[in-house]
Amino acid sequence: MILIDTGPLVALFDPKDQDHLACRKILEEIVEPLYTTEAVLTEVLHMLAPNSKGADALKAFFMGEYVSLVALNKKDVERAFVLMDKYRDLPMDFADATLIVVGENLKTDKVFTLDFNDFRIYKIQNGHRQYPLSLIGPKMDS
């Protein structure tokens, strides 16, 4: 399973985005299930023009079986706040924190993102150990 961040979702549904074609190509190659959070979806809908073709396509994408939306409970939100405090020097936003929490809960370290600078620093907690994320995206060498 792969977590999908805000950047690729915006790029996928905004044809004018500089990473649109690269993200479409990556999405076509992904065979594992995709997961994200309401916080990420909220960011994407905010960044796409309301009622645009991109926003409509995004809604259809979420209503189909392409990506699963993971709901957070209070404990998850508390963990996200702890992570935001831990990475406050970056700073870590709430959407990124929710992806890390979901990764910890689902035991996956794979993230499809355009935000390599931050996600290279974030770690997934598994028991008492922390592990780096496995990043997927078009600019892995940047």
C-alpha atoms as a PDB file:
ATOM      1  CA  MET A   1       0.000   0.000   0.000  1.00  0.00           C
ATOM      2  CA  ILE A   2       1.081   3.538  -0.789  1.00  0.00           C
ATOM      3  CA  LEU A   3       0.163   6.802   0.903  1.00  0.00           C
ATOM      4  CA  ILE A   4      -0.527   9.689  -1.471  1.00  0.00           C
ATOM      5  CA  ASP A   5       0.271  13.270  -0.497  1.00  0.00           C
ATOM      6  CA  THR A   6      -1.260  16.567  -1.613  1.00  0.00           C
ATOM      7  CA  GLY A   7       1.267  17.418  -4.343  1.00  0.00           C
ATOM      8  CA  PRO A   8       0.702  14.435  -6.623  1.00  0.00           C
ATOM      9  CA  LEU A   9      -3.073  14.735  -6.289  1.00  0.00           C
ATOM     10  CA  VAL A  10      -2.983  18.402  -7.298  1.00  0.00           C
ATOM     11  CA  ALA A  11      -0.623  17.588 -10.180  1.00  0.00           C
ATOM     12  CA  LEU A  12      -2.796  14.700 -11.367  1.00  0.00           C
ATOM     13  CA  PHE A  13      -5.911  16.854 -11.601  1.00  0.00           C
ATOM     14  CA  ASP A  14      -4.394  20.159 -12.751  1.00  0.00           C
ATOM     15  CA  PRO A  15      -3.161  19.747 -16.341  1.00  0.00           C
ATOM     16  CA  LYS A  16      -1.211  23.024 -16.029  1.00  0.00           C
ATOM     17  CA  ASP A  17       0.839  21.702 -13.097  1.00  0.00           C
ATOM     18  CA  GLN A  18       4.513  21.183 -14.022  1.00  0.00           C
ATOM     19  CA  ASP A  19       4.415  17.645 -12.565  1.00  0.00           C
ATOM     20  CA  HIS A  20       1.121  16.618 -14.204  1.00  0.00           C
ATOM     21  CA  LEU A  21       2.513  14.245 -16.836  1.00  0.00           C
ATOM     22  CA  ALA A  22       5.157  12.740 -14.546  1.00  0.00           C
ATOM     23  CA  CYS A  23       2.581  12.041 -11.824  1.00  0.00           C
ATOM     24  CA  ARG A  24       0.171  10.502 -14.333  1.00  0.00           C
ATOM     25  CA  LYS A  25       2.933   8.186 -15.537  1.00  0.00           C
ATOM     26  CA  ILE A  26       3.775   7.159 -11.974  1.00  0.00           C
ATOM     27  CA  LEU A  27       0.100   6.578 -11.153  1.00  0.00           C
ATOM     28  CA  GLU A  28      -0.255   4.332 -14.211  1.00  0.00           C
ATOM     29  CA  GLU A  29       2.637   2.195 -12.925  1.00  0.00           C
ATOM     30  CA  ILE A  30       1.362   1.868  -9.349  1.00  0.00           C
ATOM     31  CA  VAL A  31      -0.300  -1.478  -8.689  1.00  0.00           C
ATOM     32  CA  GLU A  32      -0.579  -1.222  -4.899  1.00  0.00           C
ATOM     33  CA  PRO A  33      -3.639   0.313  -3.202  1.00  0.00           C
ATOM     34  CA  LEU A  34      -3.494   4.048  -2.489  1.00  0.00           C
ATOM     35  CA  TYR A  35      -4.484   5.620   0.828  1.00  0.00           C
ATOM     36  CA  THR A  36      -4.760   9.199   2.025  1.00  0.00           C
ATOM     37  CA  THR A  37      -6.485  11.283   4.684  1.00  0.00           C
ATOM     38  CA  GLU A  38      -9.247  13.869   4.874  1.00  0.00           C
ATOM     39  CA  ALA A  39      -6.633  16.509   5.673  1.00  0.00           C
ATOM     40  CA  VAL A  40      -4.860  15.786   2.381  1.00  0.00           C
ATOM     41  CA  LEU A  41      -8.146  15.775   0.457  1.00  0.00           C
ATOM     42  CA  THR A  42      -9.057  19.128   2.023  1.00  0.00           C
ATOM     43  CA  GLU A  43      -5.730  20.636   0.940  1.00  0.00           C
ATOM     44  CA  VAL A  44      -6.132  19.337  -2.606  1.00  0.00           C
ATOM     45  CA  LEU A  45      -9.674  20.652  -2.968  1.00  0.00           C
ATOM     46  CA  HIS A  46      -8.498  24.015  -1.642  1.00  0.00           C
ATOM     47  CA  MET A  47      -5.671  24.159  -4.196  1.00  0.00           C
ATOM     48  CA  LEU A  48      -7.788  23.139  -7.185  1.00  0.00           C
ATOM     49  CA  ALA A  49     -10.253  25.752  -8.382  1.00  0.00           C
ATOM     50  CA  PRO A  50     -13.714  25.028  -6.948  1.00  0.00           C
ATOM     51  CA  ASN A  51     -16.046  23.429  -9.479  1.00  0.00           C
ATOM     52  CA  SER A  52     -13.218  23.129 -12.009  1.00  0.00           C
ATOM     53  CA  LYS A  53     -12.817  20.113 -14.266  1.00  0.00           C
ATOM     54  CA  GLY A  54      -9.854  19.121 -12.095  1.00  0.00           C
ATOM     55  CA  ALA A  55     -11.913  19.251  -8.901  1.00  0.00           C
ATOM     56  CA  ASP A  56     -14.695  17.261 -10.572  1.00  0.00           C
ATOM     57  CA  ALA A  57     -12.197  14.636 -11.772  1.00  0.00           C
ATOM     58  CA  LEU A  58     -10.696  14.469  -8.275  1.00  0.00           C
ATOM     59  CA  LYS A  59     -14.147  13.858  -6.791  1.00  0.00           C
ATOM     60  CA  ALA A  60     -14.746  11.037  -9.279  1.00  0.00           C
ATOM     61  CA  PHE A  61     -11.307   9.601  -8.446  1.00  0.00           C
ATOM     62  CA  PHE A  62     -12.217   9.484  -4.756  1.00  0.00           C
ATOM     63  CA  MET A  63     -15.701   8.109  -5.402  1.00  0.00           C
ATOM     64  CA  GLY A  64     -14.198   5.280  -7.442  1.00  0.00           C
ATOM     65  CA  GLU A  65     -11.952   2.566  -6.115  1.00  0.00           C
ATOM     66  CA  TYR A  66      -8.672   4.342  -6.892  1.00  0.00           C
ATOM     67  CA  VAL A  67      -7.856   5.605  -3.405  1.00  0.00           C
ATOM     68  CA  SER A  68      -9.090   4.831   0.105  1.00  0.00           C
ATOM     69  CA  LEU A  69      -9.738   7.647   2.530  1.00  0.00           C
ATOM     70  CA  VAL A  70      -8.534   6.741   6.029  1.00  0.00           C
ATOM     71  CA  ALA A  71     -10.476   8.289   8.907  1.00  0.00           C
ATOM     72  CA  LEU A  72      -8.559   9.387  11.976  1.00  0.00           C
ATOM     73  CA  ASN A  73      -9.671   8.933  15.562  1.00  0.00           C
ATOM     74  CA  LYS A  74      -8.793  11.199  18.490  1.00  0.00           C
ATOM     75  CA  LYS A  75      -5.666   9.171  19.323  1.00  0.00           C
ATOM     76  CA  ASP A  76      -4.482   9.568  15.711  1.00  0.00           C
ATOM     77  CA  VAL A  77      -5.038  13.333  15.825  1.00  0.00           C
ATOM     78  CA  GLU A  78      -3.116  13.526  19.105  1.00  0.00           C
ATOM     79  CA  ARG A  79      -0.243  11.588  17.489  1.00  0.00           C
ATOM     80  CA  ALA A  80      -0.330  13.993  14.523  1.00  0.00           C
ATOM     81  CA  PHE A  81       0.018  16.935  16.923  1.00  0.00           C
ATOM     82  CA  VAL A  82       2.989  15.225  18.615  1.00  0.00           C
ATOM     83  CA  LEU A  83       4.641  14.803  15.207  1.00  0.00           C
ATOM     84  CA  MET A  84       3.980  18.448  14.328  1.00  0.00           C
ATOM     85  CA  ASP A  85       5.743  19.461  17.551  1.00  0.00           C
ATOM     86  CA  LYS A  86       8.630  17.090  16.831  1.00  0.00           C
ATOM     87  CA  TYR A  87       9.167  18.496  13.325  1.00  0.00           C
ATOM     88  CA  ARG A  88       8.237  22.107  14.123  1.00  0.00           C
ATOM     89  CA  ASP A  89      11.502  23.407  12.640  1.00  0.00           C
ATOM     90  CA  LEU A  90      10.454  22.299   9.113  1.00  0.00           C
ATOM     91  CA  PRO A  91       7.500  22.930   9.932  1.00  0.00           C
ATOM     92  CA  MET A  92       5.329  19.827   9.462  1.00  0.00           C
ATOM     93  CA  ASP A  93       1.751  20.612   8.480  1.00  0.00           C
ATOM     94  CA  PHE A  94      -1.268  18.656   9.709  1.00  0.00           C
ATOM     95  CA  ALA A  95      -1.818  16.844   6.399  1.00  0.00           C
ATOM     96  CA  ASP A  96       1.755  15.521   6.364  1.00  0.00           C
ATOM     97  CA  ALA A  97       1.429  14.483  10.013  1.00  0.00           C
ATOM     98  CA  THR A  98      -1.755  12.530   9.260  1.00  0.00           C
ATOM     99  CA  LEU A  99       0.010  10.608   6.492  1.00  0.00           C
ATOM    100  CA  ILE A 100       2.784   9.601   8.894  1.00  0.00           C
ATOM    101  CA  VAL A 101       0.190   8.472  11.462  1.00  0.00           C
ATOM    102  CA  VAL A 102      -1.648   6.409   8.837  1.00  0.00           C
ATOM    103  CA  GLY A 103       1.671   4.925   7.713  1.00  0.00           C
ATOM    104  CA  GLU A 104       2.388   3.894  11.293  1.00  0.00           C
ATOM    105  CA  ASN A 105      -1.092   2.410  11.711  1.00  0.00           C
ATOM    106  CA  LEU A 106      -1.096   0.542   8.392  1.00  0.00           C
ATOM    107  CA  LYS A 107       2.576  -0.460   8.642  1.00  0.00           C
ATOM    108  CA  THR A 108       3.584   1.124   5.357  1.00  0.00           C
ATOM    109  CA  ASP A 109       6.481   3.462   4.669  1.00  0.00           C
ATOM    110  CA  LYS A 110       5.718   4.207   0.999  1.00  0.00           C
ATOM    111  CA  VAL A 111       4.668   7.762   0.167  1.00  0.00           C
ATOM    112  CA  PHE A 112       3.884   9.214  -3.266  1.00  0.00           C
ATOM    113  CA  THR A 113       4.867  12.863  -2.809  1.00  0.00           C
ATOM    114  CA  LEU A 114       6.445  15.894  -4.425  1.00  0.00           C
ATOM    115  CA  ASP A 115       7.601  17.176  -1.025  1.00  0.00           C
ATOM    116  CA  PHE A 116      10.896  15.276  -0.884  1.00  0.00           C
ATOM    117  CA  ASN A 117      12.761  17.746   1.311  1.00  0.00           C
ATOM    118  CA  ASP A 118      10.388  17.225   4.226  1.00  0.00           C
ATOM    119  CA  PHE A 119       9.441  13.579   3.708  1.00  0.00           C
ATOM    120  CA  ARG A 120      13.133  12.614   3.577  1.00  0.00           C
ATOM    121  CA  ILE A 121      13.373  13.859   7.170  1.00  0.00           C
ATOM    122  CA  TYR A 122      10.147  12.354   8.549  1.00  0.00           C
ATOM    123  CA  LYS A 123      10.340   8.909  10.134  1.00  0.00           C
ATOM    124  CA  ILE A 124       7.772   6.135  10.655  1.00  0.00           C
ATOM    125  CA  GLN A 125       7.607   4.810  14.218  1.00  0.00           C
ATOM    126  CA  ASN A 126       7.329   1.027  14.580  1.00  0.00           C
ATOM    127  CA  GLY A 127       7.534   0.032  18.217  1.00  0.00           C
ATOM    128  CA  HIS A 128      10.601   1.741  19.645  1.00  0.00           C
ATOM    129  CA  ARG A 129      12.323   2.053  16.275  1.00  0.00           C
ATOM    130  CA  GLN A 130      12.042   4.750  13.641  1.00  0.00           C
ATOM    131  CA  TYR A 131      12.436   4.117   9.926  1.00  0.00           C
ATOM    132  CA  PRO A 132      12.874   6.432   6.933  1.00  0.00           C
ATOM    133  CA  LEU A 133      10.131   6.624   4.356  1.00  0.00           C
ATOM    134  CA  SER A 134      10.305   5.043   0.893  1.00  0.00           C
ATOM    135  CA  LEU A 135       9.457   7.938  -1.397  1.00  0.00           C
ATOM    136  CA  ILE A 136       7.830   7.711  -4.805  1.00  0.00           C
ATOM    137  CA  GLY A 137       7.766  10.721  -7.087  1.00  0.00           C
ATOM    138  CA  PRO A 138       9.080  12.321 -10.272  1.00  0.00           C
ATOM    139  CA  LYS A 139      11.952  14.285  -8.717  1.00  0.00           C
ATOM    140  CA  MET A 140      13.745  11.699  -6.624  1.00  0.00           C
ATOM    141  CA  ASP A 141      17.174  13.046  -7.654  1.00  0.00           C
ATOM    142  CA  SER A 142      16.453  16.633  -6.669  1.00  0.00           C
END
